[in-house]
Amino acid sequence: MMLKGVHDVRSTWDGGGLSAQQIIRHHNRILQMFADVKNSAVIPF
């Protein structure tokens, strides 16, 4: 069973020399290794 995730609904702040956007981008890349990650616009809530 593949996990499902949404890639554009997280928030964070700058830290460890990385901008918030860089952190979110990194997390999205990691999640895509083991989850079916989609944009929230294509997921019915």
PDB file of N, CA and C in Angstrom:
ATOM      1  N   MET A   1       0.851  -1.184   0.000  1.00  0.00           N
ATOM      2  CA  MET A   1       0.000   0.000   0.000  1.00  0.00           C
ATOM      3  C   MET A   1       0.891   1.240   0.000  1.00  0.00           C
ATOM      4  N   MET A   2       0.656   2.133  -0.938  1.00  0.00           N
ATOM      5  CA  MET A   2       1.417   3.382  -1.046  1.00  0.00           C
ATOM      6  C   MET A   2       0.781   4.438  -0.151  1.00  0.00           C
ATOM      7  N   LEU A   3       1.606   5.112   0.638  1.00  0.00           N
ATOM      8  CA  LEU A   3       1.130   6.235   1.438  1.00  0.00           C
ATOM      9  C   LEU A   3       0.756   7.383   0.522  1.00  0.00           C
ATOM     10  N   LYS A   4      -0.129   8.229   0.980  1.00  0.00           N
ATOM     11  CA  LYS A   4      -0.531   9.400   0.212  1.00  0.00           C
ATOM     12  C   LYS A   4      -0.179  10.645   1.008  1.00  0.00           C
ATOM     13  N   GLY A   5       0.192  11.715   0.303  1.00  0.00           N
ATOM     14  CA  GLY A   5       0.550  12.956   0.961  1.00  0.00           C
ATOM     15  C   GLY A   5       0.228  14.152   0.089  1.00  0.00           C
ATOM     16  N   VAL A   6       0.215  15.307   0.702  1.00  0.00           N
ATOM     17  CA  VAL A   6      -0.055  16.563   0.006  1.00  0.00           C
ATOM     18  C   VAL A   6       1.193  17.426   0.148  1.00  0.00           C
ATOM     19  N   HIS A   7       1.710  17.905  -0.975  1.00  0.00           N
ATOM     20  CA  HIS A   7       2.996  18.597  -0.907  1.00  0.00           C
ATOM     21  C   HIS A   7       2.912  20.087  -0.669  1.00  0.00           C
ATOM     22  N   ASP A   8       1.752  20.689  -0.720  1.00  0.00           N
ATOM     23  CA  ASP A   8       1.697  22.148  -0.585  1.00  0.00           C
ATOM     24  C   ASP A   8       0.873  22.609   0.621  1.00  0.00           C
ATOM     25  N   VAL A   9       0.882  21.831   1.688  1.00  0.00           N
ATOM     26  CA  VAL A   9       0.106  22.228   2.870  1.00  0.00           C
ATOM     27  C   VAL A   9       0.948  22.277   4.145  1.00  0.00           C
ATOM     28  N   ARG A  10       2.261  22.326   4.003  1.00  0.00           N
ATOM     29  CA  ARG A  10       3.126  22.406   5.173  1.00  0.00           C
ATOM     30  C   ARG A  10       3.616  23.831   5.372  1.00  0.00           C
ATOM     31  N   SER A  11       4.002  24.105   6.598  1.00  0.00           N
ATOM     32  CA  SER A  11       4.638  25.392   6.872  1.00  0.00           C
ATOM     33  C   SER A  11       5.808  25.149   7.817  1.00  0.00           C
ATOM     34  N   THR A  12       6.758  26.015   7.763  1.00  0.00           N
ATOM     35  CA  THR A  12       7.915  25.968   8.649  1.00  0.00           C
ATOM     36  C   THR A  12       8.557  27.341   8.642  1.00  0.00           C
ATOM     37  N   TRP A  13       9.698  27.467   9.268  1.00  0.00           N
ATOM     38  CA  TRP A  13      10.425  28.729   9.271  1.00  0.00           C
ATOM     39  C   TRP A  13      11.883  28.444   8.958  1.00  0.00           C
ATOM     40  N   ASP A  14      12.615  29.483   8.629  1.00  0.00           N
ATOM     41  CA  ASP A  14      14.036  29.341   8.320  1.00  0.00           C
ATOM     42  C   ASP A  14      14.763  28.723   9.512  1.00  0.00           C
ATOM     43  N   GLY A  15      15.790  27.941   9.205  1.00  0.00           N
ATOM     44  CA  GLY A  15      16.571  27.356  10.287  1.00  0.00           C
ATOM     45  C   GLY A  15      17.751  26.562   9.762  1.00  0.00           C
ATOM     46  N   GLY A  16      18.808  26.511  10.525  1.00  0.00           N
ATOM     47  CA  GLY A  16      19.972  25.731  10.154  1.00  0.00           C
ATOM     48  C   GLY A  16      20.628  26.188   8.865  1.00  0.00           C
ATOM     49  N   GLY A  17      20.511  27.456   8.552  1.00  0.00           N
ATOM     50  CA  GLY A  17      21.107  27.980   7.328  1.00  0.00           C
ATOM     51  C   GLY A  17      20.264  27.778   6.089  1.00  0.00           C
ATOM     52  N   LEU A  18      19.065  27.204   6.238  1.00  0.00           N
ATOM     53  CA  LEU A  18      18.166  26.983   5.092  1.00  0.00           C
ATOM     54  C   LEU A  18      16.939  27.876   5.213  1.00  0.00           C
ATOM     55  N   SER A  19      16.428  28.318   4.066  1.00  0.00           N
ATOM     56  CA  SER A  19      15.179  29.083   4.079  1.00  0.00           C
ATOM     57  C   SER A  19      14.012  28.114   4.275  1.00  0.00           C
ATOM     58  N   ALA A  20      12.888  28.623   4.688  1.00  0.00           N
ATOM     59  CA  ALA A  20      11.695  27.790   4.857  1.00  0.00           C
ATOM     60  C   ALA A  20      11.363  27.077   3.547  1.00  0.00           C
ATOM     61  N   GLN A  21      11.462  27.771   2.422  1.00  0.00           N
ATOM     62  CA  GLN A  21      11.164  27.164   1.123  1.00  0.00           C
ATOM     63  C   GLN A  21      12.112  26.008   0.823  1.00  0.00           C
ATOM     64  N   GLN A  22      13.381  26.146   1.151  1.00  0.00           N
ATOM     65  CA  GLN A  22      14.348  25.063   0.920  1.00  0.00           C
ATOM     66  C   GLN A  22      14.013  23.846   1.785  1.00  0.00           C
ATOM     67  N   ILE A  23      13.615  24.075   3.015  1.00  0.00           N
ATOM     68  CA  ILE A  23      13.253  22.979   3.917  1.00  0.00           C
ATOM     69  C   ILE A  23      12.032  22.241   3.383  1.00  0.00           C
ATOM     70  N   ILE A  24      11.009  22.977   2.978  1.00  0.00           N
ATOM     71  CA  ILE A  24       9.788  22.369   2.445  1.00  0.00           C
ATOM     72  C   ILE A  24      10.100  21.586   1.178  1.00  0.00           C
ATOM     73  N   ARG A  25      10.908  22.147   0.292  1.00  0.00           N
ATOM     74  CA  ARG A  25      11.289  21.453  -0.943  1.00  0.00           C
ATOM     75  C   ARG A  25      12.011  20.138  -0.627  1.00  0.00           C
ATOM     76  N   HIS A  26      12.909  20.185   0.341  1.00  0.00           N
ATOM     77  CA  HIS A  26      13.634  18.979   0.755  1.00  0.00           C
ATOM     78  C   HIS A  26      12.665  17.928   1.302  1.00  0.00           C
ATOM     79  N   HIS A  27      11.748  18.338   2.170  1.00  0.00           N
ATOM     80  CA  HIS A  27      10.780  17.393   2.734  1.00  0.00           C
ATOM     81  C   HIS A  27       9.923  16.774   1.638  1.00  0.00           C
ATOM     82  N   ASN A  28       9.514  17.568   0.661  1.00  0.00           N
ATOM     83  CA  ASN A  28       8.721  17.032  -0.448  1.00  0.00           C
ATOM     84  C   ASN A  28       9.503  15.967  -1.209  1.00  0.00           C
ATOM     85  N   ARG A  29      10.784  16.212  -1.470  1.00  0.00           N
ATOM     86  CA  ARG A  29      11.608  15.221  -2.184  1.00  0.00           C
ATOM     87  C   ARG A  29      11.720  13.928  -1.389  1.00  0.00           C
ATOM     88  N   ILE A  30      11.903  14.030  -0.084  1.00  0.00           N
ATOM     89  CA  ILE A  30      12.012  12.840   0.758  1.00  0.00           C
ATOM     90  C   ILE A  30      10.679  12.084   0.770  1.00  0.00           C
ATOM     91  N   LEU A  31       9.571  12.800   0.951  1.00  0.00           N
ATOM     92  CA  LEU A  31       8.257  12.151   0.985  1.00  0.00           C
ATOM     93  C   LEU A  31       7.956  11.406  -0.313  1.00  0.00           C
ATOM     94  N   GLN A  32       8.386  11.961  -1.441  1.00  0.00           N
ATOM     95  CA  GLN A  32       8.108  11.331  -2.731  1.00  0.00           C
ATOM     96  C   GLN A  32       8.814   9.990  -2.892  1.00  0.00           C
ATOM     97  N   MET A  33       9.777   9.683  -2.026  1.00  0.00           N
ATOM     98  CA  MET A  33      10.472   8.398  -2.096  1.00  0.00           C
ATOM     99  C   MET A  33       9.590   7.242  -1.628  1.00  0.00           C
ATOM    100  N   PHE A  34       8.600   7.547  -0.754  1.00  0.00           N
ATOM    101  CA  PHE A  34       7.780   6.462  -0.227  1.00  0.00           C
ATOM    102  C   PHE A  34       6.290   6.796  -0.160  1.00  0.00           C
ATOM    103  N   ALA A  35       5.885   7.908  -0.758  1.00  0.00           N
ATOM    104  CA  ALA A  35       4.470   8.287  -0.741  1.00  0.00           C
ATOM    105  C   ALA A  35       4.072   8.871  -2.086  1.00  0.00           C
ATOM    106  N   ASP A  36       2.799   8.746  -2.392  1.00  0.00           N
ATOM    107  CA  ASP A  36       2.220   9.358  -3.582  1.00  0.00           C
ATOM    108  C   ASP A  36       1.834  10.784  -3.191  1.00  0.00           C
ATOM    109  N   VAL A  37       2.688  11.750  -3.507  1.00  0.00           N
ATOM    110  CA  VAL A  37       2.507  13.127  -3.069  1.00  0.00           C
ATOM    111  C   VAL A  37       1.879  13.938  -4.206  1.00  0.00           C
ATOM    112  N   LYS A  38       0.775  14.609  -3.898  1.00  0.00           N
ATOM    113  CA  LYS A  38       0.045  15.390  -4.895  1.00  0.00           C
ATOM    114  C   LYS A  38      -0.196  16.807  -4.399  1.00  0.00           C
ATOM    115  N   ASN A  39      -0.526  17.693  -5.338  1.00  0.00           N
ATOM    116  CA  ASN A  39      -0.901  19.057  -5.032  1.00  0.00           C
ATOM    117  C   ASN A  39      -2.310  19.052  -4.432  1.00  0.00           C
ATOM    118  N   SER A  40      -2.565  19.892  -3.447  1.00  0.00           N
ATOM    119  CA  SER A  40      -3.871  19.912  -2.784  1.00  0.00           C
ATOM    120  C   SER A  40      -5.004  20.265  -3.746  1.00  0.00           C
ATOM    121  N   ALA A  41      -4.705  20.944  -4.834  1.00  0.00           N
ATOM    122  CA  ALA A  41      -5.748  21.338  -5.789  1.00  0.00           C
ATOM    123  C   ALA A  41      -6.385  20.123  -6.482  1.00  0.00           C
ATOM    124  N   VAL A  42      -5.707  18.990  -6.499  1.00  0.00           N
ATOM    125  CA  VAL A  42      -6.237  17.806  -7.191  1.00  0.00           C
ATOM    126  C   VAL A  42      -6.791  16.761  -6.233  1.00  0.00           C
ATOM    127  N   ILE A  43      -6.857  17.084  -4.948  1.00  0.00           N
ATOM    128  CA  ILE A  43      -7.342  16.145  -3.949  1.00  0.00           C
ATOM    129  C   ILE A  43      -8.684  16.636  -3.405  1.00  0.00           C
ATOM    130  N   PRO A  44      -9.723  15.830  -3.527  1.00  0.00           N
ATOM    131  CA  PRO A  44     -11.027  16.250  -2.973  1.00  0.00           C
ATOM    132  C   PRO A  44     -11.026  16.134  -1.444  1.00  0.00           C
ATOM    133  N   PHE A  45     -11.393  17.213  -0.780  1.00  0.00           N
ATOM    134  CA  PHE A  45     -11.480  17.200   0.673  1.00  0.00           C
ATOM    135  C   PHE A  45     -12.923  17.209   1.106  1.00  0.00           C
TER     136      PHE A  45
END
